[in-house]
Amino acid sequence: FANFATGRVYDQIRQSIAYSDKNVKICASHAGLTL
């Protein structure tokens, strides 16, 4: 879910994926009010 794919794991995404330029596809469902 989008909430868990971003807010819950932001530190891991920042350090292990973005800063390290890793080829990871973060795919987030159930985003927004339409959940």
Full PDB file with SEQRES, HELIX, SHEET, SSBOND, CRYST1, ORIGX, SCALE, CONECT and MASTER records, all heavy atoms in Angstrom:
SEQRES   1 A   35  PHE ALA ASN PHE ALA THR GLY ARG VAL TYR ASP GLN ILE          
SEQRES   2 A   35  ARG GLN SER ILE ALA TYR SER ASP LYS ASN VAL LYS ILE          
SEQRES   3 A   35  CYS ALA SER HIS ALA GLY LEU THR LEU                          
HELIX    1 AA1 ALA A    2  THR A    6  1                                   5    
HELIX    2 AA2 TYR A   10  GLN A   12  1                                   3    
HELIX    3 AA3 ILE A   13  ALA A   18  3                                   6    
CRYST1    1.000    1.000    1.000  90.00  90.00  90.00 P 1           1          
ORIGX1      1.000000  0.000000  0.000000        0.00000                         
ORIGX2      0.000000  1.000000  0.000000        0.00000                         
ORIGX3      0.000000  0.000000  1.000000        0.00000                         
SCALE1      1.000000  0.000000  0.000000        0.00000                         
SCALE2      0.000000  1.000000  0.000000        0.00000                         
SCALE3      0.000000  0.000000  1.000000        0.00000                         
ATOM      1  N   PHE A   1       0.845  -1.191   0.000  1.00  0.00           N  
ATOM      2  CA  PHE A   1       0.000   0.000   0.000  1.00  0.00           C  
ATOM      3  C   PHE A   1       0.885   1.248   0.000  1.00  0.00           C  
ATOM      4  O   PHE A   1       1.969   1.270   0.592  1.00  0.00           O  
ATOM      5  CB  PHE A   1      -0.899   0.025   1.234  1.00  0.00           C  
ATOM      6  CG  PHE A   1      -2.013  -0.988   1.219  1.00  0.00           C  
ATOM      7  CD1 PHE A   1      -2.869  -1.097   2.305  1.00  0.00           C  
ATOM      8  CD2 PHE A   1      -2.220  -1.828   0.135  1.00  0.00           C  
ATOM      9  CE1 PHE A   1      -3.901  -2.020   2.306  1.00  0.00           C  
ATOM     10  CE2 PHE A   1      -3.257  -2.759   0.124  1.00  0.00           C  
ATOM     11  CZ  PHE A   1      -4.102  -2.847   1.219  1.00  0.00           C  
ATOM     12  N   ALA A   2       0.395   2.316  -0.627  1.00  0.00           N  
ATOM     13  CA  ALA A   2       1.196   3.532  -0.792  1.00  0.00           C  
ATOM     14  C   ALA A   2       1.659   4.116   0.535  1.00  0.00           C  
ATOM     15  O   ALA A   2       2.779   4.629   0.647  1.00  0.00           O  
ATOM     16  CB  ALA A   2       0.399   4.570  -1.584  1.00  0.00           C  
ATOM     17  N   ASN A   3       0.821   4.038   1.543  1.00  0.00           N  
ATOM     18  CA  ASN A   3       1.207   4.588   2.844  1.00  0.00           C  
ATOM     19  C   ASN A   3       2.410   3.855   3.424  1.00  0.00           C  
ATOM     20  O   ASN A   3       3.322   4.460   3.993  1.00  0.00           O  
ATOM     21  CB  ASN A   3       0.023   4.507   3.812  1.00  0.00           C  
ATOM     22  CG  ASN A   3       0.267   5.299   5.079  1.00  0.00           C  
ATOM     23  OD1 ASN A   3       0.864   6.368   5.047  1.00  0.00           O  
ATOM     24  ND2 ASN A   3      -0.195   4.775   6.199  1.00  0.00           N  
ATOM     25  N   PHE A   4       2.422   2.526   3.243  1.00  0.00           N  
ATOM     26  CA  PHE A   4       3.519   1.715   3.770  1.00  0.00           C  
ATOM     27  C   PHE A   4       4.740   1.752   2.844  1.00  0.00           C  
ATOM     28  O   PHE A   4       5.869   1.532   3.289  1.00  0.00           O  
ATOM     29  CB  PHE A   4       3.070   0.265   3.946  1.00  0.00           C  
ATOM     30  CG  PHE A   4       1.793   0.106   4.719  1.00  0.00           C  
ATOM     31  CD1 PHE A   4       0.892  -0.896   4.402  1.00  0.00           C  
ATOM     32  CD2 PHE A   4       1.469   0.967   5.754  1.00  0.00           C  
ATOM     33  CE1 PHE A   4      -0.296  -1.048   5.112  1.00  0.00           C  
ATOM     34  CE2 PHE A   4       0.291   0.834   6.466  1.00  0.00           C  
ATOM     35  CZ  PHE A   4      -0.593  -0.182   6.144  1.00  0.00           C  
ATOM     36  N   ALA A   5       4.511   2.016   1.557  1.00  0.00           N  
ATOM     37  CA  ALA A   5       5.593   2.014   0.574  1.00  0.00           C  
ATOM     38  C   ALA A   5       6.414   3.299   0.597  1.00  0.00           C  
ATOM     39  O   ALA A   5       7.456   3.382  -0.050  1.00  0.00           O  
ATOM     40  CB  ALA A   5       5.017   1.820  -0.830  1.00  0.00           C  
ATOM     41  N   THR A   6       5.939   4.295   1.338  1.00  0.00           N  
ATOM     42  CA  THR A   6       6.639   5.591   1.364  1.00  0.00           C  
ATOM     43  C   THR A   6       6.888   6.053   2.796  1.00  0.00           C  
ATOM     44  O   THR A   6       8.012   6.044   3.266  1.00  0.00           O  
ATOM     45  CB  THR A   6       5.827   6.651   0.598  1.00  0.00           C  
ATOM     46  OG1 THR A   6       4.500   6.747   1.143  1.00  0.00           O  
ATOM     47  CG2 THR A   6       5.743   6.310  -0.875  1.00  0.00           C  
ATOM     48  N   GLY A   7       5.815   6.428   3.492  1.00  0.00           N  
ATOM     49  CA  GLY A   7       5.969   6.984   4.829  1.00  0.00           C  
ATOM     50  C   GLY A   7       6.626   6.044   5.822  1.00  0.00           C  
ATOM     51  O   GLY A   7       7.513   6.430   6.584  1.00  0.00           O  
ATOM     52  N   ARG A   8       6.224   4.780   5.807  1.00  0.00           N  
ATOM     53  CA  ARG A   8       6.744   3.824   6.789  1.00  0.00           C  
ATOM     54  C   ARG A   8       8.213   3.499   6.550  1.00  0.00           C  
ATOM     55  O   ARG A   8       8.936   3.155   7.478  1.00  0.00           O  
ATOM     56  CB  ARG A   8       5.895   2.540   6.743  1.00  0.00           C  
ATOM     57  CG  ARG A   8       6.344   1.470   7.712  1.00  0.00           C  
ATOM     58  CD  ARG A   8       5.381   0.316   7.779  1.00  0.00           C  
ATOM     59  NE  ARG A   8       4.151   0.675   8.473  1.00  0.00           N  
ATOM     60  CZ  ARG A   8       3.142  -0.177   8.712  1.00  0.00           C  
ATOM     61  NH1 ARG A   8       3.223  -1.419   8.270  1.00  0.00           N  
ATOM     62  NH2 ARG A   8       2.066   0.220   9.340  1.00  0.00           N  
ATOM     63  N   VAL A   9       8.669   3.607   5.311  1.00  0.00           N  
ATOM     64  CA  VAL A   9      10.011   3.114   4.962  1.00  0.00           C  
ATOM     65  C   VAL A   9      10.869   4.208   4.323  1.00  0.00           C  
ATOM     66  O   VAL A   9      11.807   3.918   3.576  1.00  0.00           O  
ATOM     67  CB  VAL A   9       9.902   1.908   4.002  1.00  0.00           C  
ATOM     68  CG1 VAL A   9       9.232   0.741   4.690  1.00  0.00           C  
ATOM     69  CG2 VAL A   9       9.152   2.283   2.733  1.00  0.00           C  
ATOM     70  N   TYR A  10      10.574   5.458   4.629  1.00  0.00           N  
ATOM     71  CA  TYR A  10      11.253   6.554   3.927  1.00  0.00           C  
ATOM     72  C   TYR A  10      12.765   6.523   4.128  1.00  0.00           C  
ATOM     73  O   TYR A  10      13.531   6.775   3.198  1.00  0.00           O  
ATOM     74  CB  TYR A  10      10.688   7.902   4.385  1.00  0.00           C  
ATOM     75  CG  TYR A  10      11.025   9.038   3.450  1.00  0.00           C  
ATOM     76  CD1 TYR A  10      10.469   9.087   2.174  1.00  0.00           C  
ATOM     77  CD2 TYR A  10      11.890  10.051   3.826  1.00  0.00           C  
ATOM     78  CE1 TYR A  10      10.751  10.120   1.301  1.00  0.00           C  
ATOM     79  CE2 TYR A  10      12.189  11.091   2.952  1.00  0.00           C  
ATOM     80  CZ  TYR A  10      11.611  11.122   1.696  1.00  0.00           C  
ATOM     81  OH  TYR A  10      11.899  12.153   0.830  1.00  0.00           O  
ATOM     82  N   ASP A  11      13.207   6.210   5.312  1.00  0.00           N  
ATOM     83  CA  ASP A  11      14.652   6.172   5.576  1.00  0.00           C  
ATOM     84  C   ASP A  11      15.331   5.101   4.728  1.00  0.00           C  
ATOM     85  O   ASP A  11      16.395   5.336   4.136  1.00  0.00           O  
ATOM     86  CB  ASP A  11      14.917   5.908   7.058  1.00  0.00           C  
ATOM     87  CG  ASP A  11      16.397   5.905   7.382  1.00  0.00           C  
ATOM     88  OD1 ASP A  11      17.067   6.918   7.092  1.00  0.00           O  
ATOM     89  OD2 ASP A  11      16.886   4.889   7.896  1.00  0.00           O  
ATOM     90  N   GLN A  12      14.715   3.926   4.648  1.00  0.00           N  
ATOM     91  CA  GLN A  12      15.297   2.850   3.852  1.00  0.00           C  
ATOM     92  C   GLN A  12      15.337   3.213   2.363  1.00  0.00           C  
ATOM     93  O   GLN A  12      16.311   2.917   1.663  1.00  0.00           O  
ATOM     94  CB  GLN A  12      14.513   1.551   4.053  1.00  0.00           C  
ATOM     95  CG  GLN A  12      14.785   0.851   5.369  1.00  0.00           C  
ATOM     96  CD  GLN A  12      14.137   1.548   6.557  1.00  0.00           C  
ATOM     97  OE1 GLN A  12      13.166   2.304   6.399  1.00  0.00           O  
ATOM     98  NE2 GLN A  12      14.659   1.307   7.750  1.00  0.00           N  
ATOM     99  N   ILE A  13      14.271   3.853   1.879  1.00  0.00           N  
ATOM    100  CA  ILE A  13      14.254   4.272   0.471  1.00  0.00           C  
ATOM    101  C   ILE A  13      15.340   5.322   0.230  1.00  0.00           C  
ATOM    102  O   ILE A  13      16.079   5.240  -0.762  1.00  0.00           O  
ATOM    103  CB  ILE A  13      12.869   4.827   0.085  1.00  0.00           C  
ATOM    104  CG1 ILE A  13      11.824   3.713   0.117  1.00  0.00           C  
ATOM    105  CG2 ILE A  13      12.921   5.466  -1.307  1.00  0.00           C  
ATOM    106  CD1 ILE A  13      10.405   4.205  -0.079  1.00  0.00           C  
ATOM    107  N   ARG A  14      15.438   6.271   1.125  1.00  0.00           N  
ATOM    108  CA  ARG A  14      16.424   7.344   0.934  1.00  0.00           C  
ATOM    109  C   ARG A  14      17.849   6.799   0.911  1.00  0.00           C  
ATOM    110  O   ARG A  14      18.643   7.127   0.028  1.00  0.00           O  
ATOM    111  CB  ARG A  14      16.285   8.392   2.046  1.00  0.00           C  
ATOM    112  CG  ARG A  14      17.219   9.582   1.865  1.00  0.00           C  
ATOM    113  CD  ARG A  14      17.075  10.586   3.008  1.00  0.00           C  
ATOM    114  NE  ARG A  14      17.841  11.781   2.740  1.00  0.00           N  
ATOM    115  CZ  ARG A  14      19.141  11.946   3.031  1.00  0.00           C  
ATOM    116  NH1 ARG A  14      19.816  10.948   3.600  1.00  0.00           N  
ATOM    117  NH2 ARG A  14      19.767  13.072   2.746  1.00  0.00           N  
ATOM    118  N   GLN A  15      18.174   5.977   1.887  1.00  0.00           N  
ATOM    119  CA  GLN A  15      19.564   5.541   2.039  1.00  0.00           C  
ATOM    120  C   GLN A  15      19.923   4.385   1.098  1.00  0.00           C  
ATOM    121  O   GLN A  15      20.932   4.427   0.398  1.00  0.00           O  
ATOM    122  CB  GLN A  15      19.832   5.095   3.489  1.00  0.00           C  
ATOM    123  CG  GLN A  15      19.370   6.063   4.561  1.00  0.00           C  
ATOM    124  CD  GLN A  15      20.084   7.407   4.530  1.00  0.00           C  
ATOM    125  OE1 GLN A  15      20.925   7.676   3.682  1.00  0.00           O  
ATOM    126  NE2 GLN A  15      19.739   8.282   5.462  1.00  0.00           N  
ATOM    127  N   SER A  16      19.082   3.343   1.096  1.00  0.00           N  
ATOM    128  CA  SER A  16      19.449   2.111   0.395  1.00  0.00           C  
ATOM    129  C   SER A  16      19.094   2.129  -1.088  1.00  0.00           C  
ATOM    130  O   SER A  16      19.690   1.392  -1.875  1.00  0.00           O  
ATOM    131  CB  SER A  16      18.772   0.904   1.058  1.00  0.00           C  
ATOM    132  OG  SER A  16      19.199   0.771   2.394  1.00  0.00           O  
ATOM    133  N   ILE A  17      18.106   2.960  -1.475  1.00  0.00           N  
ATOM    134  CA  ILE A  17      17.653   2.951  -2.863  1.00  0.00           C  
ATOM    135  C   ILE A  17      18.019   4.242  -3.587  1.00  0.00           C  
ATOM    136  O   ILE A  17      18.731   4.219  -4.590  1.00  0.00           O  
ATOM    137  CB  ILE A  17      16.136   2.686  -2.929  1.00  0.00           C  
ATOM    138  CG1 ILE A  17      15.821   1.281  -2.379  1.00  0.00           C  
ATOM    139  CG2 ILE A  17      15.625   2.829  -4.359  1.00  0.00           C  
ATOM    140  CD1 ILE A  17      14.347   0.971  -2.250  1.00  0.00           C  
ATOM    141  N   ALA A  18      17.558   5.388  -3.092  1.00  0.00           N  
ATOM    142  CA  ALA A  18      17.787   6.640  -3.814  1.00  0.00           C  
ATOM    143  C   ALA A  18      19.252   7.076  -3.755  1.00  0.00           C  
ATOM    144  O   ALA A  18      19.892   7.298  -4.794  1.00  0.00           O  
ATOM    145  CB  ALA A  18      16.886   7.735  -3.258  1.00  0.00           C  
ATOM    146  N   TYR A  19      19.799   7.178  -2.558  1.00  0.00           N  
ATOM    147  CA  TYR A  19      21.194   7.612  -2.405  1.00  0.00           C  
ATOM    148  C   TYR A  19      22.153   6.639  -3.088  1.00  0.00           C  
ATOM    149  O   TYR A  19      23.152   7.039  -3.691  1.00  0.00           O  
ATOM    150  CB  TYR A  19      21.538   7.735  -0.918  1.00  0.00           C  
ATOM    151  CG  TYR A  19      22.988   8.069  -0.638  1.00  0.00           C  
ATOM    152  CD1 TYR A  19      23.511   9.298  -1.013  1.00  0.00           C  
ATOM    153  CD2 TYR A  19      23.822   7.162  -0.016  1.00  0.00           C  
ATOM    154  CE1 TYR A  19      24.848   9.615  -0.773  1.00  0.00           C  
ATOM    155  CE2 TYR A  19      25.159   7.456   0.236  1.00  0.00           C  
ATOM    156  CZ  TYR A  19      25.656   8.690  -0.142  1.00  0.00           C  
ATOM    157  OH  TYR A  19      26.984   8.995   0.092  1.00  0.00           O  
ATOM    158  N   SER A  20      21.797   5.364  -3.044  1.00  0.00           N  
ATOM    159  CA  SER A  20      22.643   4.333  -3.637  1.00  0.00           C  
ATOM    160  C   SER A  20      22.332   4.095  -5.117  1.00  0.00           C  
ATOM    161  O   SER A  20      22.982   3.266  -5.752  1.00  0.00           O  
ATOM    162  CB  SER A  20      22.470   3.011  -2.867  1.00  0.00           C  
ATOM    163  OG  SER A  20      22.771   3.195  -1.498  1.00  0.00           O  
ATOM    164  N   ASP A  21      21.346   4.819  -5.652  1.00  0.00           N  
ATOM    165  CA  ASP A  21      20.946   4.721  -7.062  1.00  0.00           C  
ATOM    166  C   ASP A  21      20.701   3.268  -7.466  1.00  0.00           C  
ATOM    167  O   ASP A  21      21.242   2.771  -8.453  1.00  0.00           O  
ATOM    168  CB  ASP A  21      22.000   5.353  -7.975  1.00  0.00           C  
ATOM    169  CG  ASP A  21      21.511   5.503  -9.413  1.00  0.00           C  
ATOM    170  OD1 ASP A  21      20.293   5.677  -9.608  1.00  0.00           O  
ATOM    171  OD2 ASP A  21      22.345   5.422 -10.339  1.00  0.00           O  
ATOM    172  N   LYS A  22      19.874   2.591  -6.694  1.00  0.00           N  
ATOM    173  CA  LYS A  22      19.553   1.199  -6.976  1.00  0.00           C  
ATOM    174  C   LYS A  22      18.331   1.105  -7.894  1.00  0.00           C  
ATOM    175  O   LYS A  22      17.387   1.885  -7.779  1.00  0.00           O  
ATOM    176  CB  LYS A  22      19.299   0.434  -5.667  1.00  0.00           C  
ATOM    177  CG  LYS A  22      20.561   0.274  -4.809  1.00  0.00           C  
ATOM    178  CD  LYS A  22      21.585  -0.619  -5.502  1.00  0.00           C  
ATOM    179  CE  LYS A  22      22.766  -0.944  -4.619  1.00  0.00           C  
ATOM    180  NZ  LYS A  22      23.701   0.186  -4.468  1.00  0.00           N  
ATOM    181  N   ASN A  23      18.346   0.116  -8.752  1.00  0.00           N  
ATOM    182  CA  ASN A  23      17.319  -0.047  -9.778  1.00  0.00           C  
ATOM    183  C   ASN A  23      16.073  -0.747  -9.217  1.00  0.00           C  
ATOM    184  O   ASN A  23      15.661  -1.810  -9.686  1.00  0.00           O  
ATOM    185  CB  ASN A  23      17.900  -0.846 -10.952  1.00  0.00           C  
ATOM    186  CG  ASN A  23      17.008  -0.826 -12.175  1.00  0.00           C  
ATOM    187  OD1 ASN A  23      16.286   0.137 -12.414  1.00  0.00           O  
ATOM    188  ND2 ASN A  23      17.054  -1.902 -12.949  1.00  0.00           N  
ATOM    189  N   VAL A  24      15.457  -0.112  -8.214  1.00  0.00           N  
ATOM    190  CA  VAL A  24      14.289  -0.673  -7.533  1.00  0.00           C  
ATOM    191  C   VAL A  24      13.031   0.048  -8.010  1.00  0.00           C  
ATOM    192  O   VAL A  24      13.009   1.276  -8.127  1.00  0.00           O  
ATOM    193  CB  VAL A  24      14.419  -0.530  -6.004  1.00  0.00           C  
ATOM    194  CG1 VAL A  24      13.137  -0.990  -5.306  1.00  0.00           C  
ATOM    195  CG2 VAL A  24      15.614  -1.320  -5.499  1.00  0.00           C  
ATOM    196  N   LYS A  25      11.976  -0.715  -8.257  1.00  0.00           N  
ATOM    197  CA  LYS A  25      10.688  -0.163  -8.639  1.00  0.00           C  
ATOM    198  C   LYS A  25       9.745  -0.282  -7.441  1.00  0.00           C  
ATOM    199  O   LYS A  25       9.361  -1.392  -7.049  1.00  0.00           O  
ATOM    200  CB  LYS A  25      10.105  -0.893  -9.845  1.00  0.00           C  
ATOM    201  CG  LYS A  25      11.124  -1.179 -10.967  1.00  0.00           C  
ATOM    202  CD  LYS A  25      11.886   0.044 -11.450  1.00  0.00           C  
ATOM    203  CE  LYS A  25      13.001  -0.341 -12.419  1.00  0.00           C  
ATOM    204  NZ  LYS A  25      13.857   0.804 -12.791  1.00  0.00           N  
ATOM    205  N   ILE A  26       9.416   0.841  -6.845  1.00  0.00           N  
ATOM    206  CA  ILE A  26       8.526   0.883  -5.682  1.00  0.00           C  
ATOM    207  C   ILE A  26       7.110   1.077  -6.215  1.00  0.00           C  
ATOM    208  O   ILE A  26       6.790   2.121  -6.792  1.00  0.00           O  
ATOM    209  CB  ILE A  26       8.921   2.020  -4.731  1.00  0.00           C  
ATOM    210  CG1 ILE A  26      10.365   1.834  -4.266  1.00  0.00           C  
ATOM    211  CG2 ILE A  26       7.963   2.088  -3.548  1.00  0.00           C  
ATOM    212  CD1 ILE A  26      10.972   3.083  -3.644  1.00  0.00           C  
ATOM    213  N   CYS A  27       6.269   0.064  -6.057  1.00  0.00           N  
ATOM    214  CA  CYS A  27       4.951   0.044  -6.687  1.00  0.00           C  
ATOM    215  C   CYS A  27       3.885   0.104  -5.606  1.00  0.00           C  
ATOM    216  O   CYS A  27       3.752  -0.825  -4.806  1.00  0.00           O  
ATOM    217  CB  CYS A  27       4.817  -1.196  -7.551  1.00  0.00           C  
ATOM    218  SG  CYS A  27       6.106  -1.279  -8.829  1.00  0.00           S  
ATOM    219  N   ALA A  28       3.134   1.207  -5.605  1.00  0.00           N  
ATOM    220  CA  ALA A  28       2.290   1.541  -4.466  1.00  0.00           C  
ATOM    221  C   ALA A  28       0.820   1.613  -4.839  1.00  0.00           C  
ATOM    222  O   ALA A  28       0.398   2.450  -5.637  1.00  0.00           O  
ATOM    223  CB  ALA A  28       2.748   2.880  -3.887  1.00  0.00           C  
ATOM    224  N   SER A  29       0.045   0.752  -4.230  1.00  0.00           N  
ATOM    225  CA  SER A  29      -1.398   0.725  -4.461  1.00  0.00           C  
ATOM    226  C   SER A  29      -2.143   1.436  -3.323  1.00  0.00           C  
ATOM    227  O   SER A  29      -1.551   1.833  -2.327  1.00  0.00           O  
ATOM    228  CB  SER A  29      -1.876  -0.727  -4.559  1.00  0.00           C  
ATOM    229  OG  SER A  29      -3.263  -0.790  -4.828  1.00  0.00           O  
ATOM    230  N   HIS A  30      -3.453   1.599  -3.518  1.00  0.00           N  
ATOM    231  CA  HIS A  30      -4.326   2.151  -2.481  1.00  0.00           C  
ATOM    232  C   HIS A  30      -3.883   3.559  -2.057  1.00  0.00           C  
ATOM    233  O   HIS A  30      -3.865   3.900  -0.867  1.00  0.00           O  
ATOM    234  CB  HIS A  30      -4.380   1.221  -1.268  1.00  0.00           C  
ATOM    235  CG  HIS A  30      -5.056  -0.084  -1.533  1.00  0.00           C  
ATOM    236  ND1 HIS A  30      -4.649  -0.932  -2.546  1.00  0.00           N  
ATOM    237  CD2 HIS A  30      -6.089  -0.705  -0.912  1.00  0.00           C  
ATOM    238  CE1 HIS A  30      -5.411  -2.024  -2.545  1.00  0.00           C  
ATOM    239  NE2 HIS A  30      -6.299  -1.908  -1.577  1.00  0.00           N  
ATOM    240  N   ALA A  31      -3.490   4.385  -3.032  1.00  0.00           N  
ATOM    241  CA  ALA A  31      -3.071   5.761  -2.734  1.00  0.00           C  
ATOM    242  C   ALA A  31      -4.281   6.693  -2.714  1.00  0.00           C  
ATOM    243  O   ALA A  31      -5.289   6.433  -3.365  1.00  0.00           O  
ATOM    244  CB  ALA A  31      -2.064   6.235  -3.778  1.00  0.00           C  
ATOM    245  N   GLY A  32      -4.171   7.776  -1.963  1.00  0.00           N  
ATOM    246  CA  GLY A  32      -5.157   8.842  -2.012  1.00  0.00           C  
ATOM    247  C   GLY A  32      -6.469   8.563  -1.316  1.00  0.00           C  
ATOM    248  O   GLY A  32      -6.665   7.536  -0.667  1.00  0.00           O  
ATOM    249  N   LEU A  33      -7.398   9.516  -1.472  1.00  0.00           N  
ATOM    250  CA  LEU A  33      -8.702   9.425  -0.827  1.00  0.00           C  
ATOM    251  C   LEU A  33      -9.543   8.275  -1.359  1.00  0.00           C  
ATOM    252  O   LEU A  33     -10.403   7.750  -0.651  1.00  0.00           O  
ATOM    253  CB  LEU A  33      -9.484  10.730  -1.041  1.00  0.00           C  
ATOM    254  CG  LEU A  33      -9.051  11.958  -0.248  1.00  0.00           C  
ATOM    255  CD1 LEU A  33      -9.859  13.164  -0.699  1.00  0.00           C  
ATOM    256  CD2 LEU A  33      -9.218  11.738   1.245  1.00  0.00           C  
ATOM    257  N   THR A  34      -9.309   7.887  -2.613  1.00  0.00           N  
ATOM    258  CA  THR A  34     -10.147   6.832  -3.207  1.00  0.00           C  
ATOM    259  C   THR A  34      -9.910   5.459  -2.592  1.00  0.00           C  
ATOM    260  O   THR A  34     -10.595   4.511  -2.950  1.00  0.00           O  
ATOM    261  CB  THR A  34      -9.939   6.759  -4.729  1.00  0.00           C  
ATOM    262  OG1 THR A  34      -8.536   6.689  -5.020  1.00  0.00           O  
ATOM    263  CG2 THR A  34     -10.551   7.965  -5.429  1.00  0.00           C  
ATOM    264  N   LEU A  35      -8.959   5.351  -1.671  1.00  0.00           N  
ATOM    265  CA  LEU A  35      -8.870   4.132  -0.867  1.00  0.00           C  
ATOM    266  C   LEU A  35     -10.178   3.930  -0.125  1.00  0.00           C  
ATOM    267  O   LEU A  35     -10.612   2.803   0.127  1.00  0.00           O  
ATOM    268  CB  LEU A  35      -7.699   4.247   0.108  1.00  0.00           C  
ATOM    269  CG  LEU A  35      -7.529   3.141   1.141  1.00  0.00           C  
ATOM    270  CD1 LEU A  35      -7.525   1.770   0.507  1.00  0.00           C  
ATOM    271  CD2 LEU A  35      -6.259   3.351   1.934  1.00  0.00           C  
TER     272      LEU A  35                                                      
MASTER        0    0    0    3    0    0    0    6  271    1    0    3          
END                                                                             
